[in-house]
Amino acid sequence: MKSPVQALVHRLVATHLHLDQASIADAKGFNELGVDALDLLFLALRLEDLDRGRRDFPVDLLLEARTVGEFVALVSVWLQEDESTDADADARRAGPCVARL
């Protein structure tokens, strides 16, 4: 079962690429999907719009994300309102690009 953030990211990627949402999986690489840096920037800006512009997405970390799953992890950490030590620990477990948030 997908988490709400995972479902959101999968839907955004599928919509942007004009693909069936079922074809988007966390293990899919951006190269495999034909996603480039401009696509990632567009997706980040779309997420900022959905967040009503409360926070800027850490765009500098986008280039380190290689898979949909890594992007989901970035978005999950970014959307967390509670920046407690538990969130920091979750970020470190999610991967190097997320731990820098």
PDB file of N, CA and C in Angstrom:
ATOM      1  N   MET A   1       0.840  -1.186   0.000  1.00  0.00           N
ATOM      2  CA  MET A   1       0.000   0.000   0.000  1.00  0.00           C
ATOM      3  C   MET A   1       0.884   1.249   0.000  1.00  0.00           C
ATOM      4  N   LYS A   2       0.571   2.178  -0.860  1.00  0.00           N
ATOM      5  CA  LYS A   2       1.362   3.392  -0.985  1.00  0.00           C
ATOM      6  C   LYS A   2       1.034   4.377   0.136  1.00  0.00           C
ATOM      7  N   SER A   3       2.074   5.083   0.574  1.00  0.00           N
ATOM      8  CA  SER A   3       1.863   6.170   1.522  1.00  0.00           C
ATOM      9  C   SER A   3       1.238   7.336   0.752  1.00  0.00           C
ATOM     10  N   PRO A   4       0.634   8.295   1.460  1.00  0.00           N
ATOM     11  CA  PRO A   4       0.063   9.454   0.762  1.00  0.00           C
ATOM     12  C   PRO A   4       1.107  10.232  -0.047  1.00  0.00           C
ATOM     13  N   VAL A   5       2.305  10.386   0.506  1.00  0.00           N
ATOM     14  CA  VAL A   5       3.358  11.110  -0.209  1.00  0.00           C
ATOM     15  C   VAL A   5       3.781  10.328  -1.445  1.00  0.00           C
ATOM     16  N   GLN A   6       3.937   9.035  -1.297  1.00  0.00           N
ATOM     17  CA  GLN A   6       4.323   8.185  -2.422  1.00  0.00           C
ATOM     18  C   GLN A   6       3.267   8.270  -3.531  1.00  0.00           C
ATOM     19  N   ALA A   7       1.999   8.200  -3.153  1.00  0.00           N
ATOM     20  CA  ALA A   7       0.917   8.287  -4.137  1.00  0.00           C
ATOM     21  C   ALA A   7       0.929   9.645  -4.832  1.00  0.00           C
ATOM     22  N   LEU A   8       1.169  10.707  -4.078  1.00  0.00           N
ATOM     23  CA  LEU A   8       1.229  12.052  -4.646  1.00  0.00           C
ATOM     24  C   LEU A   8       2.361  12.165  -5.661  1.00  0.00           C
ATOM     25  N   VAL A   9       3.545  11.730  -5.274  1.00  0.00           N
ATOM     26  CA  VAL A   9       4.703  11.823  -6.172  1.00  0.00           C
ATOM     27  C   VAL A   9       4.485  10.963  -7.415  1.00  0.00           C
ATOM     28  N   HIS A  10       3.990   9.757  -7.247  1.00  0.00           N
ATOM     29  CA  HIS A  10       3.744   8.885  -8.395  1.00  0.00           C
ATOM     30  C   HIS A  10       2.735   9.536  -9.347  1.00  0.00           C
ATOM     31  N   ARG A  11       1.684  10.130  -8.779  1.00  0.00           N
ATOM     32  CA  ARG A  11       0.670  10.784  -9.604  1.00  0.00           C
ATOM     33  C   ARG A  11       1.265  11.984 -10.354  1.00  0.00           C
ATOM     34  N   LEU A  12       2.071  12.804  -9.649  1.00  0.00           N
ATOM     35  CA  LEU A  12       2.687  13.962 -10.294  1.00  0.00           C
ATOM     36  C   LEU A  12       3.612  13.545 -11.435  1.00  0.00           C
ATOM     37  N   VAL A  13       4.448  12.535 -11.176  1.00  0.00           N
ATOM     38  CA  VAL A  13       5.378  12.064 -12.208  1.00  0.00           C
ATOM     39  C   VAL A  13       4.608  11.501 -13.398  1.00  0.00           C
ATOM     40  N   ALA A  14       3.607  10.673 -13.118  1.00  0.00           N
ATOM     41  CA  ALA A  14       2.825  10.072 -14.203  1.00  0.00           C
ATOM     42  C   ALA A  14       2.104  11.135 -15.023  1.00  0.00           C
ATOM     43  N   THR A  15       1.519  12.103 -14.355  1.00  0.00           N
ATOM     44  CA  THR A  15       0.808  13.166 -15.064  1.00  0.00           C
ATOM     45  C   THR A  15       1.767  13.984 -15.912  1.00  0.00           C
ATOM     46  N   HIS A  16       2.892  14.338 -15.343  1.00  0.00           N
ATOM     47  CA  HIS A  16       3.872  15.143 -16.073  1.00  0.00           C
ATOM     48  C   HIS A  16       4.407  14.415 -17.300  1.00  0.00           C
ATOM     49  N   LEU A  17       4.612  13.124 -17.177  1.00  0.00           N
ATOM     50  CA  LEU A  17       5.172  12.340 -18.280  1.00  0.00           C
ATOM     51  C   LEU A  17       4.103  11.733 -19.191  1.00  0.00           C
ATOM     52  N   HIS A  18       2.826  11.986 -18.867  1.00  0.00           N
ATOM     53  CA  HIS A  18       1.715  11.425 -19.633  1.00  0.00           C
ATOM     54  C   HIS A  18       1.779   9.897 -19.664  1.00  0.00           C
ATOM     55  N   LEU A  19       2.006   9.318 -18.474  1.00  0.00           N
ATOM     56  CA  LEU A  19       2.072   7.866 -18.328  1.00  0.00           C
ATOM     57  C   LEU A  19       0.962   7.397 -17.402  1.00  0.00           C
ATOM     58  N   ASP A  20       0.686   6.101 -17.454  1.00  0.00           N
ATOM     59  CA  ASP A  20      -0.243   5.496 -16.519  1.00  0.00           C
ATOM     60  C   ASP A  20       0.414   5.467 -15.144  1.00  0.00           C
ATOM     61  N   GLN A  21      -0.321   5.884 -14.126  1.00  0.00           N
ATOM     62  CA  GLN A  21       0.237   5.936 -12.776  1.00  0.00           C
ATOM     63  C   GLN A  21       0.732   4.562 -12.320  1.00  0.00           C
ATOM     64  N   ALA A  22       0.124   3.498 -12.774  1.00  0.00           N
ATOM     65  CA  ALA A  22       0.539   2.147 -12.391  1.00  0.00           C
ATOM     66  C   ALA A  22       1.935   1.807 -12.912  1.00  0.00           C
ATOM     67  N   SER A  23       2.399   2.541 -13.904  1.00  0.00           N
ATOM     68  CA  SER A  23       3.730   2.260 -14.454  1.00  0.00           C
ATOM     69  C   SER A  23       4.848   2.944 -13.669  1.00  0.00           C
ATOM     70  N   ILE A  24       4.496   3.761 -12.690  1.00  0.00           N
ATOM     71  CA  ILE A  24       5.482   4.465 -11.885  1.00  0.00           C
ATOM     72  C   ILE A  24       5.750   3.657 -10.624  1.00  0.00           C
ATOM     73  N   ALA A  25       7.000   3.300 -10.405  1.00  0.00           N
ATOM     74  CA  ALA A  25       7.409   2.537  -9.224  1.00  0.00           C
ATOM     75  C   ALA A  25       8.633   3.213  -8.610  1.00  0.00           C
ATOM     76  N   ASP A  26       8.795   3.051  -7.302  1.00  0.00           N
ATOM     77  CA  ASP A  26       9.923   3.676  -6.613  1.00  0.00           C
ATOM     78  C   ASP A  26      11.268   3.246  -7.187  1.00  0.00           C
ATOM     79  N   ALA A  27      11.357   2.038  -7.675  1.00  0.00           N
ATOM     80  CA  ALA A  27      12.626   1.523  -8.187  1.00  0.00           C
ATOM     81  C   ALA A  27      12.960   2.074  -9.579  1.00  0.00           C
ATOM     82  N   LYS A  28      12.011   2.704 -10.236  1.00  0.00           N
ATOM     83  CA  LYS A  28      12.257   3.237 -11.575  1.00  0.00           C
ATOM     84  C   LYS A  28      13.264   4.367 -11.515  1.00  0.00           C
ATOM     85  N   GLY A  29      14.253   4.276 -12.361  1.00  0.00           N
ATOM     86  CA  GLY A  29      15.243   5.339 -12.464  1.00  0.00           C
ATOM     87  C   GLY A  29      14.723   6.462 -13.341  1.00  0.00           C
ATOM     88  N   PHE A  30      15.144   7.682 -13.040  1.00  0.00           N
ATOM     89  CA  PHE A  30      14.711   8.817 -13.845  1.00  0.00           C
ATOM     90  C   PHE A  30      15.194   8.687 -15.285  1.00  0.00           C
ATOM     91  N   ASN A  31      16.386   8.147 -15.489  1.00  0.00           N
ATOM     92  CA  ASN A  31      16.878   7.931 -16.853  1.00  0.00           C
ATOM     93  C   ASN A  31      15.958   6.985 -17.612  1.00  0.00           C
ATOM     94  N   GLU A  32      15.524   5.941 -16.930  1.00  0.00           N
ATOM     95  CA  GLU A  32      14.632   4.949 -17.527  1.00  0.00           C
ATOM     96  C   GLU A  32      13.300   5.577 -17.943  1.00  0.00           C
ATOM     97  N   LEU A  33      12.834   6.550 -17.147  1.00  0.00           N
ATOM     98  CA  LEU A  33      11.558   7.214 -17.434  1.00  0.00           C
ATOM     99  C   LEU A  33      11.706   8.403 -18.387  1.00  0.00           C
ATOM    100  N   GLY A  34      12.939   8.787 -18.667  1.00  0.00           N
ATOM    101  CA  GLY A  34      13.161   9.942 -19.528  1.00  0.00           C
ATOM    102  C   GLY A  34      13.015  11.269 -18.802  1.00  0.00           C
ATOM    103  N   VAL A  35      13.213  11.259 -17.484  1.00  0.00           N
ATOM    104  CA  VAL A  35      13.100  12.474 -16.673  1.00  0.00           C
ATOM    105  C   VAL A  35      14.461  13.160 -16.637  1.00  0.00           C
ATOM    106  N   ASP A  36      14.476  14.450 -16.957  1.00  0.00           N
ATOM    107  CA  ASP A  36      15.721  15.209 -16.898  1.00  0.00           C
ATOM    108  C   ASP A  36      15.637  16.245 -15.777  1.00  0.00           C
ATOM    109  N   ALA A  37      16.680  17.044 -15.636  1.00  0.00           N
ATOM    110  CA  ALA A  37      16.751  18.030 -14.554  1.00  0.00           C
ATOM    111  C   ALA A  37      15.608  19.049 -14.644  1.00  0.00           C
ATOM    112  N   LEU A  38      15.237  19.429 -15.844  1.00  0.00           N
ATOM    113  CA  LEU A  38      14.145  20.386 -16.013  1.00  0.00           C
ATOM    114  C   LEU A  38      12.810  19.784 -15.555  1.00  0.00           C
ATOM    115  N   ASP A  39      12.601  18.506 -15.856  1.00  0.00           N
ATOM    116  CA  ASP A  39      11.396  17.822 -15.383  1.00  0.00           C
ATOM    117  C   ASP A  39      11.344  17.817 -13.856  1.00  0.00           C
ATOM    118  N   LEU A  40      12.488  17.514 -13.227  1.00  0.00           N
ATOM    119  CA  LEU A  40      12.535  17.490 -11.760  1.00  0.00           C
ATOM    120  C   LEU A  40      12.255  18.864 -11.175  1.00  0.00           C
ATOM    121  N   LEU A  41      12.791  19.878 -11.795  1.00  0.00           N
ATOM    122  CA  LEU A  41      12.535  21.240 -11.327  1.00  0.00           C
ATOM    123  C   LEU A  41      11.046  21.574 -11.445  1.00  0.00           C
ATOM    124  N   PHE A  42      10.440  21.207 -12.556  1.00  0.00           N
ATOM    125  CA  PHE A  42       9.012  21.420 -12.724  1.00  0.00           C
ATOM    126  C   PHE A  42       8.219  20.712 -11.634  1.00  0.00           C
ATOM    127  N   LEU A  43       8.571  19.462 -11.339  1.00  0.00           N
ATOM    128  CA  LEU A  43       7.872  18.706 -10.298  1.00  0.00           C
ATOM    129  C   LEU A  43       8.044  19.362  -8.934  1.00  0.00           C
ATOM    130  N   ALA A  44       9.244  19.854  -8.643  1.00  0.00           N
ATOM    131  CA  ALA A  44       9.479  20.537  -7.369  1.00  0.00           C
ATOM    132  C   ALA A  44       8.640  21.810  -7.270  1.00  0.00           C
ATOM    133  N   LEU A  45       8.559  22.559  -8.354  1.00  0.00           N
ATOM    134  CA  LEU A  45       7.748  23.773  -8.349  1.00  0.00           C
ATOM    135  C   LEU A  45       6.268  23.444  -8.180  1.00  0.00           C
ATOM    136  N   ARG A  46       5.851  22.365  -8.785  1.00  0.00           N
ATOM    137  CA  ARG A  46       4.446  21.924  -8.626  1.00  0.00           C
ATOM    138  C   ARG A  46       4.171  21.554  -7.170  1.00  0.00           C
ATOM    139  N   LEU A  47       5.113  20.883  -6.532  1.00  0.00           N
ATOM    140  CA  LEU A  47       4.961  20.542  -5.115  1.00  0.00           C
ATOM    141  C   LEU A  47       4.898  21.797  -4.257  1.00  0.00           C
ATOM    142  N   GLU A  48       5.726  22.791  -4.569  1.00  0.00           N
ATOM    143  CA  GLU A  48       5.672  24.055  -3.826  1.00  0.00           C
ATOM    144  C   GLU A  48       4.303  24.699  -3.974  1.00  0.00           C
ATOM    145  N   ASP A  49       3.736  24.642  -5.176  1.00  0.00           N
ATOM    146  CA  ASP A  49       2.389  25.188  -5.389  1.00  0.00           C
ATOM    147  C   ASP A  49       1.362  24.463  -4.525  1.00  0.00           C
ATOM    148  N   LEU A  50       1.477  23.136  -4.469  1.00  0.00           N
ATOM    149  CA  LEU A  50       0.547  22.347  -3.658  1.00  0.00           C
ATOM    150  C   LEU A  50       0.712  22.640  -2.171  1.00  0.00           C
ATOM    151  N   ASP A  51       1.910  23.017  -1.778  1.00  0.00           N
ATOM    152  CA  ASP A  51       2.199  23.352  -0.381  1.00  0.00           C
ATOM    153  C   ASP A  51       1.827  24.809  -0.085  1.00  0.00           C
ATOM    154  N   ARG A  52       1.244  25.460  -1.068  1.00  0.00           N
ATOM    155  CA  ARG A  52       0.821  26.855  -0.965  1.00  0.00           C
ATOM    156  C   ARG A  52       1.987  27.808  -0.691  1.00  0.00           C
ATOM    157  N   GLY A  53       3.156  27.427  -1.182  1.00  0.00           N
ATOM    158  CA  GLY A  53       4.314  28.303  -1.101  1.00  0.00           C
ATOM    159  C   GLY A  53       4.859  28.559   0.291  1.00  0.00           C
ATOM    160  N   ARG A  54       4.543  27.683   1.238  1.00  0.00           N
ATOM    161  CA  ARG A  54       5.036  27.891   2.608  1.00  0.00           C
ATOM    162  C   ARG A  54       6.541  27.701   2.704  1.00  0.00           C
ATOM    163  N   ARG A  55       7.093  26.768   1.954  1.00  0.00           N
ATOM    164  CA  ARG A  55       8.531  26.482   2.003  1.00  0.00           C
ATOM    165  C   ARG A  55       9.038  26.217   0.598  1.00  0.00           C
ATOM    166  N   ASP A  56      10.281  26.596   0.376  1.00  0.00           N
ATOM    167  CA  ASP A  56      10.925  26.275  -0.895  1.00  0.00           C
ATOM    168  C   ASP A  56      11.413  24.840  -0.849  1.00  0.00           C
ATOM    169  N   PHE A  57      11.259  24.152  -1.958  1.00  0.00           N
ATOM    170  CA  PHE A  57      11.777  22.792  -2.066  1.00  0.00           C
ATOM    171  C   PHE A  57      13.296  22.882  -2.205  1.00  0.00           C
ATOM    172  N   PRO A  58      14.046  21.978  -1.586  1.00  0.00           N
ATOM    173  CA  PRO A  58      15.514  22.004  -1.686  1.00  0.00           C
ATOM    174  C   PRO A  58      15.987  21.560  -3.072  1.00  0.00           C
ATOM    175  N   VAL A  59      15.890  22.470  -4.016  1.00  0.00           N
ATOM    176  CA  VAL A  59      16.168  22.171  -5.418  1.00  0.00           C
ATOM    177  C   VAL A  59      17.579  21.626  -5.619  1.00  0.00           C
ATOM    178  N   ASP A  60      18.526  22.091  -4.816  1.00  0.00           N
ATOM    179  CA  ASP A  60      19.908  21.629  -4.982  1.00  0.00           C
ATOM    180  C   ASP A  60      20.049  20.124  -4.774  1.00  0.00           C
ATOM    181  N   LEU A  61      19.118  19.523  -4.040  1.00  0.00           N
ATOM    182  CA  LEU A  61      19.184  18.080  -3.796  1.00  0.00           C
ATOM    183  C   LEU A  61      18.545  17.255  -4.910  1.00  0.00           C
ATOM    184  N   LEU A  62      17.792  17.917  -5.783  1.00  0.00           N
ATOM    185  CA  LEU A  62      17.122  17.184  -6.857  1.00  0.00           C
ATOM    186  C   LEU A  62      18.093  16.417  -7.739  1.00  0.00           C
ATOM    187  N   LEU A  63      19.224  17.016  -8.019  1.00  0.00           N
ATOM    188  CA  LEU A  63      20.174  16.371  -8.926  1.00  0.00           C
ATOM    189  C   LEU A  63      20.788  15.111  -8.339  1.00  0.00           C
ATOM    190  N   GLU A  64      20.685  14.947  -7.021  1.00  0.00           N
ATOM    191  CA  GLU A  64      21.210  13.743  -6.387  1.00  0.00           C
ATOM    192  C   GLU A  64      20.211  12.594  -6.416  1.00  0.00           C
ATOM    193  N   ALA A  65      18.942  12.895  -6.639  1.00  0.00           N
ATOM    194  CA  ALA A  65      17.910  11.857  -6.698  1.00  0.00           C
ATOM    195  C   ALA A  65      17.999  11.154  -8.047  1.00  0.00           C
ATOM    196  N   ARG A  66      18.143   9.858  -8.014  1.00  0.00           N
ATOM    197  CA  ARG A  66      18.287   9.071  -9.247  1.00  0.00           C
ATOM    198  C   ARG A  66      17.051   8.219  -9.557  1.00  0.00           C
ATOM    199  N   THR A  67      16.216   7.989  -8.537  1.00  0.00           N
ATOM    200  CA  THR A  67      15.044   7.137  -8.726  1.00  0.00           C
ATOM    201  C   THR A  67      13.802   7.843  -8.190  1.00  0.00           C
ATOM    202  N   VAL A  68      12.658   7.315  -8.558  1.00  0.00           N
ATOM    203  CA  VAL A  68      11.397   7.836  -8.040  1.00  0.00           C
ATOM    204  C   VAL A  68      11.372   7.689  -6.520  1.00  0.00           C
ATOM    205  N   GLY A  69      11.866   6.582  -6.007  1.00  0.00           N
ATOM    206  CA  GLY A  69      11.885   6.349  -4.565  1.00  0.00           C
ATOM    207  C   GLY A  69      12.718   7.377  -3.815  1.00  0.00           C
ATOM    208  N   GLU A  70      13.861   7.760  -4.386  1.00  0.00           N
ATOM    209  CA  GLU A  70      14.679   8.793  -3.752  1.00  0.00           C
ATOM    210  C   GLU A  70      13.955  10.134  -3.766  1.00  0.00           C
ATOM    211  N   PHE A  71      13.227  10.414  -4.832  1.00  0.00           N
ATOM    212  CA  PHE A  71      12.441  11.645  -4.899  1.00  0.00           C
ATOM    213  C   PHE A  71      11.310  11.606  -3.871  1.00  0.00           C
ATOM    214  N   VAL A  72      10.670  10.458  -3.724  1.00  0.00           N
ATOM    215  CA  VAL A  72       9.619  10.294  -2.706  1.00  0.00           C
ATOM    216  C   VAL A  72      10.203  10.574  -1.318  1.00  0.00           C
ATOM    217  N   ALA A  73      11.398  10.051  -1.046  1.00  0.00           N
ATOM    218  CA  ALA A  73      12.033  10.271   0.258  1.00  0.00           C
ATOM    219  C   ALA A  73      12.319  11.752   0.483  1.00  0.00           C
ATOM    220  N   LEU A  74      12.804  12.446  -0.533  1.00  0.00           N
ATOM    221  CA  LEU A  74      13.042  13.887  -0.426  1.00  0.00           C
ATOM    222  C   LEU A  74      11.753  14.633  -0.108  1.00  0.00           C
ATOM    223  N   VAL A  75      10.703  14.300  -0.835  1.00  0.00           N
ATOM    224  CA  VAL A  75       9.418  14.969  -0.634  1.00  0.00           C
ATOM    225  C   VAL A  75       8.873  14.664   0.755  1.00  0.00           C
ATOM    226  N   SER A  76       9.008  13.427   1.207  1.00  0.00           N
ATOM    227  CA  SER A  76       8.523  13.052   2.541  1.00  0.00           C
ATOM    228  C   SER A  76       9.171  13.890   3.628  1.00  0.00           C
ATOM    229  N   VAL A  77      10.473  14.022   3.546  1.00  0.00           N
ATOM    230  CA  VAL A  77      11.192  14.806   4.555  1.00  0.00           C
ATOM    231  C   VAL A  77      10.816  16.279   4.447  1.00  0.00           C
ATOM    232  N   TRP A  78      10.719  16.775   3.235  1.00  0.00           N
ATOM    233  CA  TRP A  78      10.382  18.184   3.010  1.00  0.00           C
ATOM    234  C   TRP A  78       9.001  18.528   3.563  1.00  0.00           C
ATOM    235  N   LEU A  79       8.057  17.606   3.415  1.00  0.00           N
ATOM    236  CA  LEU A  79       6.693  17.871   3.860  1.00  0.00           C
ATOM    237  C   LEU A  79       6.483  17.725   5.370  1.00  0.00           C
ATOM    238  N   GLN A  80       7.418  17.071   6.024  1.00  0.00           N
ATOM    239  CA  GLN A  80       7.272  16.887   7.466  1.00  0.00           C
ATOM    240  C   GLN A  80       7.287  18.232   8.160  1.00  0.00           C
ATOM    241  N   GLU A  81       6.283  18.471   8.949  1.00  0.00           N
ATOM    242  CA  GLU A  81       6.222  19.725   9.693  1.00  0.00           C
ATOM    243  C   GLU A  81       7.026  19.640  10.980  1.00  0.00           C
ATOM    244  N   ASP A  82       7.117  18.454  11.523  1.00  0.00           N
ATOM    245  CA  ASP A  82       7.851  18.250  12.773  1.00  0.00           C
ATOM    246  C   ASP A  82       9.297  17.939  12.427  1.00  0.00           C
ATOM    247  N   GLU A  83      10.204  18.850  12.730  1.00  0.00           N
ATOM    248  CA  GLU A  83      11.618  18.646  12.411  1.00  0.00           C
ATOM    249  C   GLU A  83      12.374  18.170  13.641  1.00  0.00           C
ATOM    250  N   SER A  84      11.803  17.195  14.296  1.00  0.00           N
ATOM    251  CA  SER A  84      12.422  16.652  15.502  1.00  0.00           C
ATOM    252  C   SER A  84      13.582  15.739  15.137  1.00  0.00           C
ATOM    253  N   THR A  85      14.247  15.226  16.143  1.00  0.00           N
ATOM    254  CA  THR A  85      15.367  14.319  15.897  1.00  0.00           C
ATOM    255  C   THR A  85      14.900  13.033  15.238  1.00  0.00           C
ATOM    256  N   ASP A  86      13.640  12.637  15.468  1.00  0.00           N
ATOM    257  CA  ASP A  86      13.124  11.454  14.793  1.00  0.00           C
ATOM    258  C   ASP A  86      13.102  11.664  13.284  1.00  0.00           C
ATOM    259  N   ALA A  87      12.706  12.860  12.851  1.00  0.00           N
ATOM    260  CA  ALA A  87      12.683  13.155  11.418  1.00  0.00           C
ATOM    261  C   ALA A  87      14.100  13.156  10.863  1.00  0.00           C
ATOM    262  N   ASP A  88      15.049  13.681  11.630  1.00  0.00           N
ATOM    263  CA  ASP A  88      16.437  13.681  11.178  1.00  0.00           C
ATOM    264  C   ASP A  88      16.951  12.250  11.029  1.00  0.00           C
ATOM    265  N   ALA A  89      16.593  11.384  11.959  1.00  0.00           N
ATOM    266  CA  ALA A  89      17.015   9.984  11.878  1.00  0.00           C
ATOM    267  C   ALA A  89      16.389   9.310  10.661  1.00  0.00           C
ATOM    268  N   ASP A  90      15.112   9.604  10.403  1.00  0.00           N
ATOM    269  CA  ASP A  90      14.446   9.043   9.227  1.00  0.00           C
ATOM    270  C   ASP A  90      15.140   9.512   7.952  1.00  0.00           C
ATOM    271  N   ALA A  91      15.538  10.757   7.924  1.00  0.00           N
ATOM    272  CA  ALA A  91      16.217  11.297   6.744  1.00  0.00           C
ATOM    273  C   ALA A  91      17.546  10.597   6.525  1.00  0.00           C
ATOM    274  N   ARG A  92      18.289  10.355   7.583  1.00  0.00           N
ATOM    275  CA  ARG A  92      19.578   9.672   7.419  1.00  0.00           C
ATOM    276  C   ARG A  92      19.381   8.252   6.895  1.00  0.00           C
ATOM    277  N   ARG A  93      18.331   7.588   7.358  1.00  0.00           N
ATOM    278  CA  ARG A  93      18.047   6.236   6.871  1.00  0.00           C
ATOM    279  C   ARG A  93      17.576   6.246   5.422  1.00  0.00           C
ATOM    280  N   ALA A  94      16.941   7.346   4.976  1.00  0.00           N
ATOM    281  CA  ALA A  94      16.382   7.414   3.625  1.00  0.00           C
ATOM    282  C   ALA A  94      17.456   7.545   2.566  1.00  0.00           C
ATOM    283  N   GLY A  95      18.612   8.041   2.917  1.00  0.00           N
ATOM    284  CA  GLY A  95      19.671   8.128   1.931  1.00  0.00           C
ATOM    285  C   GLY A  95      20.462   9.407   2.047  1.00  0.00           C
ATOM    286  N   PRO A  96      21.602   9.463   1.382  1.00  0.00           N
ATOM    287  CA  PRO A  96      22.495  10.617   1.529  1.00  0.00           C
ATOM    288  C   PRO A  96      21.898  11.922   1.037  1.00  0.00           C
ATOM    289  N   CYS A  97      21.115  11.905  -0.018  1.00  0.00           N
ATOM    290  CA  CYS A  97      20.581  13.169  -0.510  1.00  0.00           C
ATOM    291  C   CYS A  97      19.508  13.711   0.417  1.00  0.00           C
ATOM    292  N   VAL A  98      18.793  12.848   1.128  1.00  0.00           N
ATOM    293  CA  VAL A  98      17.755  13.279   2.058  1.00  0.00           C
ATOM    294  C   VAL A  98      18.375  13.737   3.379  1.00  0.00           C
ATOM    295  N   ALA A  99      19.434  13.116   3.797  1.00  0.00           N
ATOM    296  CA  ALA A  99      20.043  13.438   5.095  1.00  0.00           C
ATOM    297  C   ALA A  99      20.547  14.865   5.141  1.00  0.00           C
ATOM    298  N   ARG A 100      20.810  15.479   3.992  1.00  0.00           N
ATOM    299  CA  ARG A 100      21.327  16.841   3.970  1.00  0.00           C
ATOM    300  C   ARG A 100      20.232  17.872   4.153  1.00  0.00           C
ATOM    301  N   LEU A 101      18.973  17.493   4.174  1.00  0.00           N
ATOM    302  CA  LEU A 101      17.890  18.465   4.321  1.00  0.00           C
ATOM    303  C   LEU A 101      17.929  19.184   5.630  1.00  0.00           C
TER     304      LEU A 101
END
